[in-house]
Amino acid sequence: MSSSSVNELFALLDDTVPSVGRSLVAPIRGVAFWTAIALPFLYLPLLATGLQSSAVRTAFGALVLANAAALLVGHSHASE
C-alpha cells in the first residue's frame, strides 16, 4: 500500500468520523506514532541474545507486527 493511498484512507476516515470521534482519533494517532518510535528499542535485547528459541522468535515477530500496525495508524499524526 503506497503512502498516498494510506493518506487517502485516513482523509476518508476524517471525513466520515463525527466531530466527537475526531477528538478520539487524534490521541490514538499520537499514541500510535510514539509507540512506533519506541518499539524498535525492544528489538535490541532480543537481537542481542539471539533468535534461537521459538518463544524469542515469536516475540520478535509480534513486535514487528505491532510496530507495523503502529506505523500505519500513527502515520498521519501532526501532519495537518
N, C-alpha and C. Protein backbone atom coordinates (compact mmCIF):
# COMPACT_ATOMS: atom_id res chain seq x y z
N MET A 1 0.85 -1.17 0.00
CA MET A 1 0.00 0.00 0.00
C MET A 1 0.90 1.23 0.00
N SER A 2 0.66 2.10 -0.96
CA SER A 2 1.50 3.28 -1.08
C SER A 2 1.12 4.33 -0.03
N SER A 3 2.03 5.25 0.17
CA SER A 3 1.81 6.31 1.16
C SER A 3 0.62 7.18 0.79
N SER A 4 0.44 7.44 -0.51
CA SER A 4 -0.67 8.29 -0.92
C SER A 4 -2.01 7.61 -0.69
N SER A 5 -2.07 6.28 -0.89
CA SER A 5 -3.33 5.59 -0.64
C SER A 5 -3.65 5.52 0.84
N VAL A 6 -2.61 5.42 1.67
CA VAL A 6 -2.83 5.45 3.12
C VAL A 6 -3.35 6.82 3.53
N ASN A 7 -2.75 7.87 2.99
CA ASN A 7 -3.22 9.22 3.30
C ASN A 7 -4.65 9.43 2.83
N GLU A 8 -5.00 8.89 1.66
CA GLU A 8 -6.38 8.99 1.18
C GLU A 8 -7.34 8.25 2.10
N LEU A 9 -6.90 7.09 2.59
CA LEU A 9 -7.74 6.32 3.51
C LEU A 9 -7.98 7.10 4.80
N PHE A 10 -6.93 7.72 5.35
CA PHE A 10 -7.11 8.50 6.57
C PHE A 10 -7.91 9.77 6.32
N ALA A 11 -7.79 10.36 5.14
CA ALA A 11 -8.60 11.53 4.81
C ALA A 11 -10.07 11.13 4.73
N LEU A 12 -10.35 9.97 4.17
CA LEU A 12 -11.72 9.47 4.13
C LEU A 12 -12.24 9.21 5.54
N LEU A 13 -11.38 8.66 6.39
CA LEU A 13 -11.76 8.43 7.78
C LEU A 13 -12.08 9.75 8.48
N ASP A 14 -11.26 10.77 8.25
CA ASP A 14 -11.51 12.08 8.85
C ASP A 14 -12.83 12.67 8.39
N ASP A 15 -13.20 12.43 7.13
CA ASP A 15 -14.46 12.96 6.61
C ASP A 15 -15.68 12.24 7.18
N THR A 16 -15.51 10.96 7.52
CA THR A 16 -16.66 10.17 7.97
C THR A 16 -16.82 10.16 9.49
N VAL A 17 -15.77 10.47 10.21
CA VAL A 17 -15.85 10.45 11.67
C VAL A 17 -16.49 11.75 12.16
N PRO A 18 -17.52 11.64 12.98
CA PRO A 18 -18.13 12.87 13.53
C PRO A 18 -17.12 13.63 14.40
N SER A 19 -17.46 14.86 14.71
CA SER A 19 -16.52 15.71 15.45
C SER A 19 -16.17 15.12 16.82
N VAL A 20 -17.10 14.43 17.47
CA VAL A 20 -16.79 13.80 18.76
C VAL A 20 -15.77 12.69 18.55
N GLY A 21 -15.93 11.94 17.45
CA GLY A 21 -14.99 10.87 17.14
C GLY A 21 -13.61 11.40 16.81
N ARG A 22 -13.55 12.58 16.20
CA ARG A 22 -12.26 13.17 15.86
C ARG A 22 -11.44 13.47 17.10
N SER A 23 -12.12 13.84 18.17
CA SER A 23 -11.38 14.12 19.39
C SER A 23 -10.77 12.84 19.97
N LEU A 24 -11.28 11.70 19.56
CA LEU A 24 -10.72 10.42 19.99
C LEU A 24 -9.65 9.92 19.03
N VAL A 25 -9.79 10.23 17.75
CA VAL A 25 -8.86 9.75 16.74
C VAL A 25 -7.48 10.38 16.90
N ALA A 26 -7.42 11.67 17.18
CA ALA A 26 -6.14 12.36 17.30
C ALA A 26 -5.25 11.78 18.40
N PRO A 27 -5.75 11.54 19.60
CA PRO A 27 -4.88 10.94 20.63
C PRO A 27 -4.45 9.51 20.28
N ILE A 28 -5.33 8.76 19.62
CA ILE A 28 -4.96 7.39 19.23
C ILE A 28 -3.83 7.44 18.21
N ARG A 29 -3.93 8.36 17.26
CA ARG A 29 -2.84 8.50 16.28
C ARG A 29 -1.55 8.94 16.96
N GLY A 30 -1.65 9.83 17.93
CA GLY A 30 -0.45 10.28 18.64
C GLY A 30 0.21 9.15 19.41
N VAL A 31 -0.58 8.37 20.11
CA VAL A 31 -0.02 7.23 20.85
C VAL A 31 0.59 6.22 19.89
N ALA A 32 -0.08 5.96 18.78
CA ALA A 32 0.45 5.02 17.79
C ALA A 32 1.77 5.53 17.20
N PHE A 33 1.84 6.83 16.93
CA PHE A 33 3.06 7.43 16.39
C PHE A 33 4.24 7.22 17.34
N TRP A 34 4.05 7.56 18.60
CA TRP A 34 5.14 7.44 19.55
C TRP A 34 5.44 5.98 19.89
N THR A 35 4.45 5.12 19.82
CA THR A 35 4.68 3.69 20.01
C THR A 35 5.54 3.15 18.88
N ALA A 36 5.26 3.60 17.65
CA ALA A 36 6.06 3.16 16.50
C ALA A 36 7.51 3.61 16.63
N ILE A 37 7.74 4.72 17.30
CA ILE A 37 9.11 5.18 17.52
C ILE A 37 9.78 4.36 18.62
N ALA A 38 9.05 4.01 19.66
CA ALA A 38 9.65 3.34 20.82
C ALA A 38 9.83 1.83 20.63
N LEU A 39 8.97 1.17 19.88
CA LEU A 39 9.03 -0.28 19.76
C LEU A 39 10.37 -0.82 19.24
N PRO A 40 11.02 -0.19 18.29
CA PRO A 40 12.30 -0.76 17.84
C PRO A 40 13.36 -0.89 18.94
N PHE A 41 13.26 -0.12 20.00
CA PHE A 41 14.20 -0.27 21.10
C PHE A 41 14.01 -1.60 21.82
N LEU A 42 12.83 -2.19 21.70
CA LEU A 42 12.60 -3.50 22.30
C LEU A 42 13.18 -4.63 21.45
N TYR A 43 13.51 -4.34 20.20
CA TYR A 43 14.16 -5.35 19.35
C TYR A 43 15.58 -5.65 19.85
N LEU A 44 16.24 -4.64 20.37
CA LEU A 44 17.66 -4.75 20.70
C LEU A 44 17.99 -5.90 21.65
N PRO A 45 17.29 -6.03 22.79
CA PRO A 45 17.62 -7.16 23.67
C PRO A 45 17.36 -8.51 23.01
N LEU A 46 16.31 -8.59 22.20
CA LEU A 46 16.03 -9.86 21.53
C LEU A 46 17.10 -10.20 20.51
N LEU A 47 17.55 -9.21 19.78
CA LEU A 47 18.60 -9.44 18.79
C LEU A 47 19.95 -9.70 19.44
N ALA A 48 20.20 -9.06 20.59
CA ALA A 48 21.47 -9.25 21.28
C ALA A 48 21.60 -10.66 21.84
N THR A 49 20.49 -11.23 22.31
CA THR A 49 20.55 -12.58 22.87
C THR A 49 20.39 -13.65 21.80
N GLY A 50 19.98 -13.26 20.61
CA GLY A 50 19.82 -14.24 19.53
C GLY A 50 18.39 -14.69 19.40
N LEU A 51 18.07 -15.21 18.24
CA LEU A 51 16.70 -15.65 17.96
C LEU A 51 16.65 -17.17 17.86
N GLN A 52 17.36 -17.87 18.77
CA GLN A 52 17.41 -19.32 18.70
C GLN A 52 16.11 -20.00 19.15
N SER A 53 15.49 -19.53 20.21
CA SER A 53 14.29 -20.21 20.71
C SER A 53 13.05 -19.72 19.98
N SER A 54 12.06 -20.59 19.94
CA SER A 54 10.82 -20.24 19.23
C SER A 54 10.06 -19.14 19.97
N ALA A 55 10.18 -19.08 21.28
CA ALA A 55 9.49 -18.03 22.04
C ALA A 55 10.07 -16.66 21.71
N VAL A 56 11.38 -16.59 21.56
CA VAL A 56 12.02 -15.31 21.23
C VAL A 56 11.66 -14.91 19.80
N ARG A 57 11.65 -15.88 18.89
CA ARG A 57 11.25 -15.58 17.50
C ARG A 57 9.81 -15.11 17.44
N THR A 58 8.93 -15.73 18.22
CA THR A 58 7.53 -15.32 18.26
C THR A 58 7.39 -13.91 18.82
N ALA A 59 8.12 -13.62 19.89
CA ALA A 59 8.08 -12.28 20.47
C ALA A 59 8.60 -11.25 19.48
N PHE A 60 9.68 -11.57 18.76
CA PHE A 60 10.23 -10.66 17.77
C PHE A 60 9.23 -10.41 16.65
N GLY A 61 8.59 -11.48 16.17
CA GLY A 61 7.58 -11.33 15.12
C GLY A 61 6.40 -10.50 15.59
N ALA A 62 5.97 -10.70 16.83
CA ALA A 62 4.87 -9.92 17.37
C ALA A 62 5.25 -8.44 17.48
N LEU A 63 6.48 -8.16 17.87
CA LEU A 63 6.94 -6.77 17.94
C LEU A 63 6.98 -6.12 16.57
N VAL A 64 7.43 -6.87 15.57
CA VAL A 64 7.47 -6.33 14.21
C VAL A 64 6.05 -6.03 13.71
N LEU A 65 5.12 -6.95 13.95
CA LEU A 65 3.73 -6.71 13.53
C LEU A 65 3.11 -5.54 14.29
N ALA A 66 3.38 -5.44 15.59
CA ALA A 66 2.86 -4.32 16.37
C ALA A 66 3.45 -3.00 15.88
N ASN A 67 4.73 -3.02 15.52
CA ASN A 67 5.36 -1.81 15.01
C ASN A 67 4.76 -1.41 13.67
N ALA A 68 4.50 -2.38 12.81
CA ALA A 68 3.88 -2.08 11.51
C ALA A 68 2.48 -1.50 11.70
N ALA A 69 1.71 -2.06 12.62
CA ALA A 69 0.37 -1.53 12.88
C ALA A 69 0.45 -0.12 13.45
N ALA A 70 1.37 0.11 14.36
CA ALA A 70 1.53 1.44 14.94
C ALA A 70 1.97 2.45 13.89
N LEU A 71 2.84 2.04 12.98
CA LEU A 71 3.26 2.92 11.89
C LEU A 71 2.08 3.28 11.00
N LEU A 72 1.25 2.31 10.71
CA LEU A 72 0.10 2.55 9.85
C LEU A 72 -0.90 3.50 10.51
N VAL A 73 -1.21 3.26 11.76
CA VAL A 73 -2.19 4.10 12.46
C VAL A 73 -1.64 5.50 12.76
N GLY A 74 -0.38 5.58 13.16
CA GLY A 74 0.21 6.85 13.56
C GLY A 74 0.85 7.64 12.44
N HIS A 75 0.73 7.14 11.22
CA HIS A 75 1.41 7.75 10.07
C HIS A 75 1.08 9.23 9.89
N SER A 76 -0.17 9.61 10.05
CA SER A 76 -0.56 10.99 9.76
C SER A 76 -0.66 11.87 11.01
N HIS A 77 -0.02 11.43 12.10
CA HIS A 77 -0.03 12.23 13.32
C HIS A 77 0.67 13.57 13.09
N ALA A 78 0.02 14.64 13.45
CA ALA A 78 0.55 16.01 13.38
C ALA A 78 0.97 16.41 11.98
N SER A 79 0.35 15.83 10.96
CA SER A 79 0.68 16.23 9.60
C SER A 79 -0.27 17.31 9.08
N GLU A 80 -1.24 17.70 9.90
CA GLU A 80 -2.20 18.71 9.46
C GLU A 80 -1.58 20.06 9.50
